[in-house]
């Protein structure tokens, strides 16, 4: 599902890159679960929350829109090489649980994201968060069911 979602984000928002960034169990770092477009090579990259735009977006659980990418340790060299510019990151939420961030980004010189685009990406983040939560609950129920079934036979 995620590759389709990221491709659709790039299409809908005329973005040059998109990514699903998940909070790690340590609650202090993120992993780029999947990236598309110019950031595809960053899939699997892990980074600390305090040095990232995703961490800033998810700490108060509010969207973040930046028109230029700041020069900071958490910004990868690839970001700088690709000359990525306007970015929006919204939290991926499931009810009140913060699971990570959803990002869309354009190259330098392209227009910033509008408030309407940010609201739409927030709605997509909530849908993804609920889907991830349901998948997790299904896995837990399936594993519990197969384990109890195993002991019953």
C-alpha atoms as a PDB file:
ATOM      1  CA  UNK A   1       0.000   0.000   0.000  1.00  0.00           C
ATOM      2  CA  UNK A   2       2.732   2.500   0.918  1.00  0.00           C
ATOM      3  CA  UNK A   3       4.388   2.695  -2.540  1.00  0.00           C
ATOM      4  CA  UNK A   4       1.000   3.587  -4.031  1.00  0.00           C
ATOM      5  CA  UNK A   5       0.323   6.186  -1.340  1.00  0.00           C
ATOM      6  CA  UNK A   6       3.703   7.856  -1.866  1.00  0.00           C
ATOM      7  CA  UNK A   7       3.279   7.929  -5.647  1.00  0.00           C
ATOM      8  CA  UNK A   8      -0.171   9.464  -5.185  1.00  0.00           C
ATOM      9  CA  UNK A   9       1.218  12.086  -2.782  1.00  0.00           C
ATOM     10  CA  UNK A  10       3.790  13.079  -5.392  1.00  0.00           C
ATOM     11  CA  UNK A  11       1.072  13.299  -8.054  1.00  0.00           C
ATOM     12  CA  UNK A  12      -1.530  15.199  -6.004  1.00  0.00           C
ATOM     13  CA  UNK A  13       0.918  17.713  -4.535  1.00  0.00           C
ATOM     14  CA  UNK A  14       3.230  18.019  -7.571  1.00  0.00           C
ATOM     15  CA  UNK A  15       6.026  16.965  -5.226  1.00  0.00           C
ATOM     16  CA  UNK A  16       9.480  15.781  -6.218  1.00  0.00           C
ATOM     17  CA  UNK A  17       9.821  13.523  -3.168  1.00  0.00           C
ATOM     18  CA  UNK A  18       7.632  11.871  -0.539  1.00  0.00           C
ATOM     19  CA  UNK A  19       8.307   9.678   2.476  1.00  0.00           C
ATOM     20  CA  UNK A  20       6.736   7.701   5.301  1.00  0.00           C
ATOM     21  CA  UNK A  21       8.869   8.157   8.403  1.00  0.00           C
ATOM     22  CA  UNK A  22       8.137   5.937  11.402  1.00  0.00           C
ATOM     23  CA  UNK A  23       8.983   6.517  15.049  1.00  0.00           C
ATOM     24  CA  UNK A  24      11.212   3.755  16.397  1.00  0.00           C
ATOM     25  CA  UNK A  25      10.337   1.878  19.608  1.00  0.00           C
ATOM     26  CA  UNK A  26      13.022   3.863  21.481  1.00  0.00           C
ATOM     27  CA  UNK A  27      10.833   6.979  20.927  1.00  0.00           C
ATOM     28  CA  UNK A  28      14.044   8.948  20.275  1.00  0.00           C
ATOM     29  CA  UNK A  29      14.679   8.165  16.616  1.00  0.00           C
ATOM     30  CA  UNK A  30      12.945   7.719  13.292  1.00  0.00           C
ATOM     31  CA  UNK A  31      13.435   5.443  10.302  1.00  0.00           C
ATOM     32  CA  UNK A  32      12.451   6.347   6.776  1.00  0.00           C
ATOM     33  CA  UNK A  33      10.223   3.327   6.161  1.00  0.00           C
ATOM     34  CA  UNK A  34       9.775   4.172   2.500  1.00  0.00           C
ATOM     35  CA  UNK A  35      10.684   7.132   0.304  1.00  0.00           C
ATOM     36  CA  UNK A  36       9.769   7.931  -3.281  1.00  0.00           C
ATOM     37  CA  UNK A  37      11.103  10.273  -5.941  1.00  0.00           C
ATOM     38  CA  UNK A  38      14.330  12.129  -5.242  1.00  0.00           C
ATOM     39  CA  UNK A  39      14.543  10.684  -1.722  1.00  0.00           C
ATOM     40  CA  UNK A  40      14.033   7.022  -2.659  1.00  0.00           C
ATOM     41  CA  UNK A  41      17.676   6.216  -1.828  1.00  0.00           C
ATOM     42  CA  UNK A  42      17.040   7.295   1.787  1.00  0.00           C
ATOM     43  CA  UNK A  43      14.666   4.391   2.479  1.00  0.00           C
ATOM     44  CA  UNK A  44      15.868   2.641   5.638  1.00  0.00           C
ATOM     45  CA  UNK A  45      17.859   5.638   6.895  1.00  0.00           C
ATOM     46  CA  UNK A  46      17.636   6.107  10.660  1.00  0.00           C
ATOM     47  CA  UNK A  47      18.080   9.466  12.397  1.00  0.00           C
ATOM     48  CA  UNK A  48      17.620  11.010  15.833  1.00  0.00           C
ATOM     49  CA  UNK A  49      14.386  12.869  16.499  1.00  0.00           C
ATOM     50  CA  UNK A  50      15.961  15.968  18.017  1.00  0.00           C
ATOM     51  CA  UNK A  51      17.957  16.778  14.890  1.00  0.00           C
ATOM     52  CA  UNK A  52      15.144  16.435  12.388  1.00  0.00           C
ATOM     53  CA  UNK A  53      12.244  18.339  10.924  1.00  0.00           C
ATOM     54  CA  UNK A  54      10.128  15.234  11.522  1.00  0.00           C
ATOM     55  CA  UNK A  55      10.951  15.438  15.221  1.00  0.00           C
ATOM     56  CA  UNK A  56       9.889  19.092  15.267  1.00  0.00           C
ATOM     57  CA  UNK A  57       6.620  18.218  13.533  1.00  0.00           C
ATOM     58  CA  UNK A  58       5.819  15.263  15.766  1.00  0.00           C
ATOM     59  CA  UNK A  59       6.868  16.673  19.152  1.00  0.00           C
ATOM     60  CA  UNK A  60       3.920  19.074  19.436  1.00  0.00           C
ATOM     61  CA  UNK A  61       1.926  16.880  16.993  1.00  0.00           C
ATOM     62  CA  UNK A  62       1.429  19.667  14.483  1.00  0.00           C
ATOM     63  CA  UNK A  63       2.245  20.093  10.808  1.00  0.00           C
ATOM     64  CA  UNK A  64       5.458  21.757   9.758  1.00  0.00           C
ATOM     65  CA  UNK A  65       5.948  23.568   6.488  1.00  0.00           C
ATOM     66  CA  UNK A  66       9.341  24.892   5.525  1.00  0.00           C
ATOM     67  CA  UNK A  67      10.184  26.874   2.407  1.00  0.00           C
ATOM     68  CA  UNK A  68      13.904  26.126   2.551  1.00  0.00           C
ATOM     69  CA  UNK A  69      15.694  23.159   3.972  1.00  0.00           C
ATOM     70  CA  UNK A  70      17.767  24.236   6.971  1.00  0.00           C
ATOM     71  CA  UNK A  71      21.446  23.391   7.161  1.00  0.00           C
ATOM     72  CA  UNK A  72      21.527  21.099  10.174  1.00  0.00           C
ATOM     73  CA  UNK A  73      23.193  17.765  11.037  1.00  0.00           C
ATOM     74  CA  UNK A  74      19.959  15.810  10.481  1.00  0.00           C
ATOM     75  CA  UNK A  75      19.614  16.953   6.882  1.00  0.00           C
ATOM     76  CA  UNK A  76      21.237  14.344   4.661  1.00  0.00           C
ATOM     77  CA  UNK A  77      23.868  15.177   2.074  1.00  0.00           C
ATOM     78  CA  UNK A  78      21.483  13.867  -0.573  1.00  0.00           C
ATOM     79  CA  UNK A  79      18.930  16.524   0.446  1.00  0.00           C
ATOM     80  CA  UNK A  80      21.553  19.191  -0.157  1.00  0.00           C
ATOM     81  CA  UNK A  81      22.774  17.653  -3.434  1.00  0.00           C
ATOM     82  CA  UNK A  82      19.257  17.395  -4.839  1.00  0.00           C
ATOM     83  CA  UNK A  83      18.646  21.028  -3.862  1.00  0.00           C
ATOM     84  CA  UNK A  84      15.334  20.178  -2.263  1.00  0.00           C
ATOM     85  CA  UNK A  85      13.302  23.159  -1.151  1.00  0.00           C
ATOM     86  CA  UNK A  86       9.730  23.561   0.116  1.00  0.00           C
ATOM     87  CA  UNK A  87       8.728  20.709   2.404  1.00  0.00           C
ATOM     88  CA  UNK A  88       5.729  19.768   4.507  1.00  0.00           C
ATOM     89  CA  UNK A  89       5.740  17.121   7.210  1.00  0.00           C
ATOM     90  CA  UNK A  90       2.657  16.068   9.115  1.00  0.00           C
ATOM     91  CA  UNK A  91       2.329  13.588  11.975  1.00  0.00           C
ATOM     92  CA  UNK A  92       1.068  10.089  11.273  1.00  0.00           C
ATOM     93  CA  UNK A  93      -1.454   9.567  14.054  1.00  0.00           C
ATOM     94  CA  UNK A  94      -3.593   6.697  15.235  1.00  0.00           C
ATOM     95  CA  UNK A  95      -6.162   8.101  17.643  1.00  0.00           C
ATOM     96  CA  UNK A  96      -3.799   9.925  20.026  1.00  0.00           C
ATOM     97  CA  UNK A  97      -0.700   7.800  19.352  1.00  0.00           C
ATOM     98  CA  UNK A  98       2.021   9.386  17.248  1.00  0.00           C
ATOM     99  CA  UNK A  99       3.504   6.816  14.854  1.00  0.00           C
ATOM    100  CA  UNK A 100       5.744   9.000  12.696  1.00  0.00           C
ATOM    101  CA  UNK A 101       5.575  11.554   9.923  1.00  0.00           C
ATOM    102  CA  UNK A 102       4.433  11.872   6.334  1.00  0.00           C
ATOM    103  CA  UNK A 103       6.502  14.177   4.119  1.00  0.00           C
ATOM    104  CA  UNK A 104       6.230  15.790   0.710  1.00  0.00           C
ATOM    105  CA  UNK A 105       8.945  17.951  -0.781  1.00  0.00           C
ATOM    106  CA  UNK A 106       9.598  20.033  -3.880  1.00  0.00           C
ATOM    107  CA  UNK A 107      12.865  21.181  -5.444  1.00  0.00           C
ATOM    108  CA  UNK A 108      14.264  24.639  -4.779  1.00  0.00           C
ATOM    109  CA  UNK A 109      12.585  27.375  -6.765  1.00  0.00           C
ATOM    110  CA  UNK A 110       9.182  25.663  -6.722  1.00  0.00           C
ATOM    111  CA  UNK A 111       6.252  27.168  -4.766  1.00  0.00           C
ATOM    112  CA  UNK A 112       5.694  26.498  -1.087  1.00  0.00           C
ATOM    113  CA  UNK A 113       2.841  24.226  -0.035  1.00  0.00           C
ATOM    114  CA  UNK A 114      -0.471  25.956   0.623  1.00  0.00           C
ATOM    115  CA  UNK A 115      -2.480  25.650   3.857  1.00  0.00           C
ATOM    116  CA  UNK A 116      -5.050  23.573   1.909  1.00  0.00           C
ATOM    117  CA  UNK A 117      -2.311  21.160   0.809  1.00  0.00           C
ATOM    118  CA  UNK A 118      -1.081  20.844   4.385  1.00  0.00           C
ATOM    119  CA  UNK A 119      -4.624  20.055   5.603  1.00  0.00           C
ATOM    120  CA  UNK A 120      -5.011  17.396   2.885  1.00  0.00           C
ATOM    121  CA  UNK A 121      -1.688  15.779   3.802  1.00  0.00           C
ATOM    122  CA  UNK A 122      -2.782  15.806   7.475  1.00  0.00           C
ATOM    123  CA  UNK A 123      -5.928  13.883   6.524  1.00  0.00           C
ATOM    124  CA  UNK A 124      -3.775  11.398   4.619  1.00  0.00           C
ATOM    125  CA  UNK A 125      -1.523  11.054   7.680  1.00  0.00           C
ATOM    126  CA  UNK A 126      -4.525  10.166   9.832  1.00  0.00           C
ATOM    127  CA  UNK A 127      -5.708   7.563   7.300  1.00  0.00           C
ATOM    128  CA  UNK A 128      -2.234   6.014   7.156  1.00  0.00           C
ATOM    129  CA  UNK A 129      -2.001   6.032  10.973  1.00  0.00           C
ATOM    130  CA  UNK A 130      -5.308   4.218  11.332  1.00  0.00           C
ATOM    131  CA  UNK A 131      -4.291   1.714   8.640  1.00  0.00           C
ATOM    132  CA  UNK A 132      -0.997   1.013  10.408  1.00  0.00           C
ATOM    133  CA  UNK A 133      -2.781   0.600  13.741  1.00  0.00           C
ATOM    134  CA  UNK A 134      -5.287  -1.836  12.232  1.00  0.00           C
ATOM    135  CA  UNK A 135      -2.478  -3.822  10.611  1.00  0.00           C
ATOM    136  CA  UNK A 136      -0.666  -3.988  13.959  1.00  0.00           C
ATOM    137  CA  UNK A 137      -3.831  -5.127  15.757  1.00  0.00           C
ATOM    138  CA  UNK A 138      -4.470  -7.740  13.069  1.00  0.00           C
ATOM    139  CA  UNK A 139      -0.908  -9.073  13.422  1.00  0.00           C
ATOM    140  CA  UNK A 140      -1.266  -9.236  17.194  1.00  0.00           C
ATOM    141  CA  UNK A 141      -4.621 -11.016  16.942  1.00  0.00           C
ATOM    142  CA  UNK A 142      -3.328 -13.437  14.290  1.00  0.00           C
ATOM    143  CA  UNK A 143      -0.219 -14.298  16.284  1.00  0.00           C
ATOM    144  CA  UNK A 144      -2.251 -14.760  19.464  1.00  0.00           C
ATOM    145  CA  UNK A 145      -4.803 -16.890  17.650  1.00  0.00           C
ATOM    146  CA  UNK A 146      -2.219 -19.146  16.020  1.00  0.00           C
ATOM    147  CA  UNK A 147      -0.331 -19.510  19.319  1.00  0.00           C
ATOM    148  CA  UNK A 148      -3.461 -20.473  21.276  1.00  0.00           C
ATOM    149  CA  UNK A 149      -4.540 -22.785  18.476  1.00  0.00           C
ATOM    150  CA  UNK A 150      -1.140 -24.466  18.537  1.00  0.00           C
ATOM    151  CA  UNK A 151      -1.435 -25.208  22.265  1.00  0.00           C
ATOM    152  CA  UNK A 152      -5.009 -26.456  21.896  1.00  0.00           C
ATOM    153  CA  UNK A 153      -4.020 -29.263  19.484  1.00  0.00           C
END
